[in-house]
Amino acid sequence: MAWLRIARKGSIGFAGLAVLVIAWWIGTDAVAPAGSFLRHFSPVDAVASLIQLATHSDLPIHILVSLRRVLVGLGFALLLGVPLGLAVGTSSLLNSATSPAFQFLRMISPLSWMPLAVMVFGVGDRPIYFLLTFAAIWPILLNTAEGVRRLQPSWLSLAASLSATRWETLRYIVFPGVMAHVLTGLRLAIGIVWIVLVPCEMLGVSAGLGYFILDTRDRLAYSELTATVLMIGLLGFLLDAAARGLYRLATRAH
């Protein structure tokens, strides 16, 4: 049965996480000598600090600020990347003209733009939005373009034979046909953006998970620092799970 397969897969994944936690505990509690600096990062202390931070601190506010920045960055990337991907995938001439430039820009680390972003946009959310958008746009753009190239020519021929307008062709043929590729690009973009977010939030802002990590470091609150790292991993896992669920829903609908 399907639920048995899901339960089995879930139990295997849980076992893998348990092995990771046990290895973490061994490295910090069982093997590290008494008084070792590693003991500050114990999973037991981290979980206790995480519970305390989630209920008696500003951590939820920092989480909401970071999620807002991620959503804004992804939104800009979708607004720019999907139309560009449709254009590049449709026109071989445009693809040839833009491919070298896109590949060149794609290989530049978004974090290398941090000094320029601050000089151009100032301190605050705007340079973070720029960096997150720059990081997220490439997988969305390239996957959208690839989705257009993989469209069945017979579908486009059918639309032409029915005298469909360009908008009707986009709405009923192109958009549904490339949706799976767009969502695949979105999932890849979420992973990249979530990794880039934390160092971006060290650009002089006063809220966010990256800022909170610096705050815990400055206060020498190592268990809280480890707890924040755990929260970042958990939130990233949930965002990826949401993207996978959206992909399954979209592909099932089509």
Protein backbone atom coordinates (compact mmCIF):
# COMPACT_ATOMS: atom_id res chain seq x y z
CA MET A 1 0.00 0.00 0.00
CA ALA A 2 1.00 3.59 -0.58
CA TRP A 3 0.91 4.54 3.10
CA LEU A 4 3.22 1.65 3.95
CA ARG A 5 5.77 2.85 1.39
CA ILE A 6 5.51 6.38 2.76
CA ALA A 7 5.92 5.15 6.34
CA ARG A 8 8.91 3.03 5.38
CA LYS A 9 10.56 5.89 3.53
CA GLY A 10 9.89 8.23 6.46
CA SER A 11 11.34 5.78 8.97
CA ILE A 12 14.49 5.37 6.89
CA GLY A 13 14.89 9.14 6.69
CA PHE A 14 14.35 9.47 10.44
CA ALA A 15 17.00 6.79 11.05
CA GLY A 16 19.47 8.77 8.92
CA LEU A 17 18.80 11.90 10.97
CA ALA A 18 19.18 9.92 14.18
CA VAL A 19 22.61 8.70 13.06
CA LEU A 20 23.62 12.29 12.33
CA VAL A 21 22.50 13.47 15.78
CA ILE A 22 24.26 10.57 17.50
CA ALA A 23 27.49 11.36 15.66
CA TRP A 24 27.09 15.00 16.70
CA TRP A 25 26.55 13.99 20.35
CA ILE A 26 29.57 11.67 20.30
CA GLY A 27 31.79 14.44 18.93
CA THR A 28 30.73 17.05 21.48
CA ASP A 29 29.76 15.10 24.61
CA ALA A 30 31.29 11.63 24.56
CA VAL A 31 34.67 12.18 22.90
CA ALA A 32 35.48 15.80 23.72
CA PRO A 33 37.32 16.11 27.05
CA ALA A 34 35.81 17.96 29.97
CA GLY A 35 36.24 21.69 29.60
CA SER A 36 36.69 21.41 25.82
CA PHE A 37 35.37 24.23 23.68
CA LEU A 38 33.42 21.66 21.63
CA ARG A 39 31.13 20.98 24.59
CA HIS A 40 29.58 24.42 24.10
CA PHE A 41 27.98 23.05 20.92
CA SER A 42 26.32 19.99 22.47
CA PRO A 43 23.04 18.94 20.83
CA VAL A 44 21.43 18.66 24.26
CA ASP A 45 22.22 22.28 25.09
CA ALA A 46 21.29 23.38 21.56
CA VAL A 47 17.83 21.82 21.70
CA ALA A 48 17.20 23.29 25.15
CA SER A 49 18.27 26.73 23.90
CA LEU A 50 16.13 26.36 20.79
CA ILE A 51 13.02 25.71 22.89
CA GLN A 52 13.81 28.68 25.09
CA LEU A 53 14.53 30.98 22.14
CA ALA A 54 11.34 29.99 20.36
CA THR A 55 9.21 30.93 23.36
CA HIS A 56 11.08 33.60 25.29
CA SER A 57 13.07 35.64 22.77
CA ASP A 58 12.90 37.63 19.54
CA LEU A 59 13.88 34.63 17.42
CA PRO A 60 10.41 34.30 15.82
CA ILE A 61 10.66 37.93 14.69
CA HIS A 62 14.07 37.28 13.11
CA ILE A 63 12.62 34.20 11.37
CA LEU A 64 9.73 36.21 9.92
CA VAL A 65 12.10 38.94 8.70
CA SER A 66 14.32 36.37 6.97
CA LEU A 67 11.35 34.60 5.38
CA ARG A 68 10.02 37.92 4.11
CA ARG A 69 13.36 38.67 2.45
CA VAL A 70 13.43 35.22 0.87
CA LEU A 71 9.91 35.61 -0.52
CA VAL A 72 10.66 39.06 -1.92
CA GLY A 73 13.88 37.86 -3.55
CA LEU A 74 12.16 34.83 -5.06
CA GLY A 75 9.28 37.01 -6.23
CA PHE A 76 11.60 39.37 -8.10
CA ALA A 77 13.49 36.39 -9.55
CA LEU A 78 10.25 34.87 -10.85
CA LEU A 79 9.06 38.18 -12.31
CA LEU A 80 12.34 38.58 -14.18
CA GLY A 81 13.41 35.00 -14.79
CA VAL A 82 10.22 33.49 -16.22
CA PRO A 83 9.65 36.10 -18.99
CA LEU A 84 13.35 36.06 -19.87
CA GLY A 85 13.32 32.26 -19.94
CA LEU A 86 10.28 32.23 -22.21
CA ALA A 87 11.95 34.70 -24.57
CA VAL A 88 15.28 32.89 -24.62
CA GLY A 89 13.65 29.50 -25.07
CA THR A 90 11.49 30.75 -27.93
CA SER A 91 14.15 32.57 -29.94
CA SER A 92 17.31 30.73 -30.96
CA LEU A 93 18.86 34.06 -31.99
CA LEU A 94 18.21 35.58 -28.57
CA ASN A 95 19.53 32.42 -26.91
CA SER A 96 22.77 32.62 -28.89
CA ALA A 97 23.14 36.32 -28.07
CA THR A 98 22.51 36.02 -24.34
CA SER A 99 23.87 32.59 -23.44
CA PRO A 100 27.55 33.63 -22.99
CA ALA A 101 26.58 36.65 -20.87
CA PHE A 102 24.14 34.66 -18.74
CA GLN A 103 26.63 31.86 -18.16
CA PHE A 104 29.31 34.39 -17.24
CA LEU A 105 27.07 36.18 -14.73
CA ARG A 106 25.71 32.92 -13.35
CA MET A 107 29.17 31.77 -12.35
CA ILE A 108 29.87 34.88 -10.27
CA SER A 109 29.14 34.24 -6.62
CA PRO A 110 26.30 36.47 -5.41
CA LEU A 111 28.31 37.22 -2.27
CA SER A 112 31.05 38.84 -4.36
CA TRP A 113 28.55 41.60 -5.19
CA MET A 114 28.05 42.46 -1.50
CA PRO A 115 30.37 45.53 -1.39
CA LEU A 116 28.93 46.92 -4.64
CA ALA A 117 25.36 46.26 -3.47
CA VAL A 118 25.94 48.24 -0.28
CA MET A 119 27.57 51.12 -2.17
CA VAL A 120 24.71 51.31 -4.70
CA PHE A 121 21.68 50.52 -2.51
CA GLY A 122 22.94 51.55 0.92
CA VAL A 123 22.48 49.62 4.16
CA GLY A 124 19.19 47.85 4.77
CA ASP A 125 16.90 45.48 2.94
CA ARG A 126 17.48 46.71 -0.62
CA PRO A 127 20.99 45.26 -1.10
CA ILE A 128 19.75 41.96 0.37
CA TYR A 129 16.85 41.89 -2.10
CA PHE A 130 19.28 42.53 -4.94
CA LEU A 131 21.66 39.75 -3.87
CA LEU A 132 18.89 37.21 -3.31
CA THR A 133 17.31 38.05 -6.66
CA PHE A 134 20.66 37.72 -8.41
CA ALA A 135 21.21 34.34 -6.77
CA ALA A 136 17.73 33.00 -7.57
CA ILE A 137 17.17 34.21 -11.12
CA TRP A 138 19.53 31.84 -12.93
CA PRO A 139 17.98 28.44 -12.13
CA ILE A 140 14.52 29.88 -12.83
CA LEU A 141 15.56 31.48 -16.12
CA LEU A 142 17.51 28.49 -17.43
CA ASN A 143 14.91 25.92 -16.42
CA THR A 144 12.13 27.97 -17.99
CA ALA A 145 14.07 28.25 -21.24
CA GLU A 146 14.73 24.51 -21.22
CA GLY A 147 11.03 23.86 -20.64
CA VAL A 148 10.14 25.91 -23.72
CA ARG A 149 12.64 23.98 -25.84
CA ARG A 150 11.15 20.68 -24.68
CA LEU A 151 7.60 21.58 -25.69
CA GLN A 152 6.09 19.17 -28.19
CA PRO A 153 6.10 20.86 -31.62
CA SER A 154 2.77 19.18 -32.36
CA TRP A 155 1.15 21.23 -29.57
CA LEU A 156 2.30 24.49 -31.13
CA SER A 157 1.25 23.29 -34.57
CA LEU A 158 -2.19 22.45 -33.20
CA ALA A 159 -2.51 25.92 -31.70
CA ALA A 160 -1.51 27.49 -35.02
CA SER A 161 -4.00 25.34 -36.94
CA LEU A 162 -6.75 26.52 -34.61
CA SER A 163 -5.76 30.17 -35.22
CA ALA A 164 -4.89 30.68 -31.56
CA THR A 165 -3.57 34.10 -30.66
CA ARG A 166 -0.13 34.49 -29.11
CA TRP A 167 -1.69 35.02 -25.68
CA GLU A 168 -3.89 31.92 -26.07
CA THR A 169 -0.87 29.88 -27.11
CA LEU A 170 1.06 31.10 -24.08
CA ARG A 171 -1.85 30.54 -21.70
CA TYR A 172 -2.99 27.11 -22.85
CA ILE A 173 0.15 25.56 -24.36
CA VAL A 174 3.36 27.21 -23.19
CA PHE A 175 2.58 28.04 -19.55
CA PRO A 176 1.22 24.57 -18.66
CA GLY A 177 4.03 22.93 -20.62
CA VAL A 178 6.83 24.76 -18.82
CA MET A 179 5.28 24.85 -15.33
CA ALA A 180 7.15 21.77 -14.12
CA HIS A 181 10.45 23.25 -15.28
CA VAL A 182 9.67 26.60 -13.63
CA LEU A 183 8.92 24.89 -10.33
CA THR A 184 12.11 22.83 -10.61
CA GLY A 185 14.02 26.06 -11.08
CA LEU A 186 12.16 27.57 -8.13
CA ARG A 187 13.15 24.67 -5.89
CA LEU A 188 16.81 25.05 -6.89
CA ALA A 189 16.53 28.81 -6.33
CA ILE A 190 15.13 28.30 -2.82
CA GLY A 191 18.16 26.21 -1.88
CA ILE A 192 20.58 28.81 -3.25
CA VAL A 193 18.77 31.77 -1.70
CA TRP A 194 18.56 30.13 1.71
CA ILE A 195 22.33 29.56 1.68
CA VAL A 196 23.10 33.11 0.52
CA LEU A 197 20.64 34.71 2.96
CA VAL A 198 22.63 34.33 6.19
CA PRO A 199 25.82 36.11 5.03
CA CYS A 200 23.66 38.74 3.31
CA GLU A 201 22.01 39.50 6.65
CA MET A 202 25.41 40.42 8.04
CA LEU A 203 25.38 43.63 5.97
CA GLY A 204 24.52 45.92 8.87
CA VAL A 205 20.84 45.09 9.26
CA SER A 206 19.26 44.84 12.69
CA ALA A 207 17.08 41.75 12.22
CA GLY A 208 17.18 38.36 10.54
CA LEU A 209 18.77 35.00 11.21
CA GLY A 210 22.17 36.13 9.95
CA TYR A 211 22.07 39.11 12.30
CA PHE A 212 20.99 36.87 15.17
CA ILE A 213 23.95 34.54 14.58
CA LEU A 214 26.32 37.48 14.85
CA ASP A 215 24.52 38.60 18.00
CA THR A 216 24.89 35.19 19.67
CA ARG A 217 28.57 35.10 18.70
CA ASP A 218 29.20 38.52 20.19
CA ARG A 219 27.42 37.47 23.41
CA LEU A 220 29.43 34.20 23.49
CA ALA A 221 26.07 32.36 23.65
CA TYR A 222 27.31 29.29 21.83
CA SER A 223 24.34 27.06 22.60
CA GLU A 224 22.03 29.75 21.19
CA LEU A 225 24.25 30.04 18.13
CA THR A 226 24.00 26.29 17.56
CA ALA A 227 20.25 26.44 18.14
CA THR A 228 19.96 29.13 15.46
CA VAL A 229 21.94 26.99 13.03
CA LEU A 230 19.50 24.15 13.75
CA MET A 231 16.57 26.47 13.08
CA ILE A 232 18.10 27.56 9.77
CA GLY A 233 18.44 23.92 8.72
CA LEU A 234 14.88 23.12 9.79
CA LEU A 235 13.38 26.10 7.96
CA GLY A 236 15.37 25.31 4.84
CA PHE A 237 14.12 21.72 4.97
CA LEU A 238 10.52 22.93 5.28
CA LEU A 239 10.90 25.38 2.40
CA ASP A 240 12.27 22.64 0.17
CA ALA A 241 9.44 20.31 1.24
CA ALA A 242 6.92 23.01 0.33
CA ALA A 243 8.55 23.43 -3.10
CA ARG A 244 8.45 19.67 -3.67
CA GLY A 245 4.78 19.57 -2.66
CA LEU A 246 3.97 22.43 -5.03
CA TYR A 247 5.76 20.60 -7.83
CA ARG A 248 3.79 17.42 -7.21
CA LEU A 249 0.51 19.33 -7.17
CA ALA A 250 1.32 21.15 -10.41
CA THR A 251 2.44 18.04 -12.27
CA ARG A 252 -0.53 16.06 -11.01
CA ALA A 253 -2.89 18.78 -12.23
CA HIS A 254 -1.39 18.62 -15.69
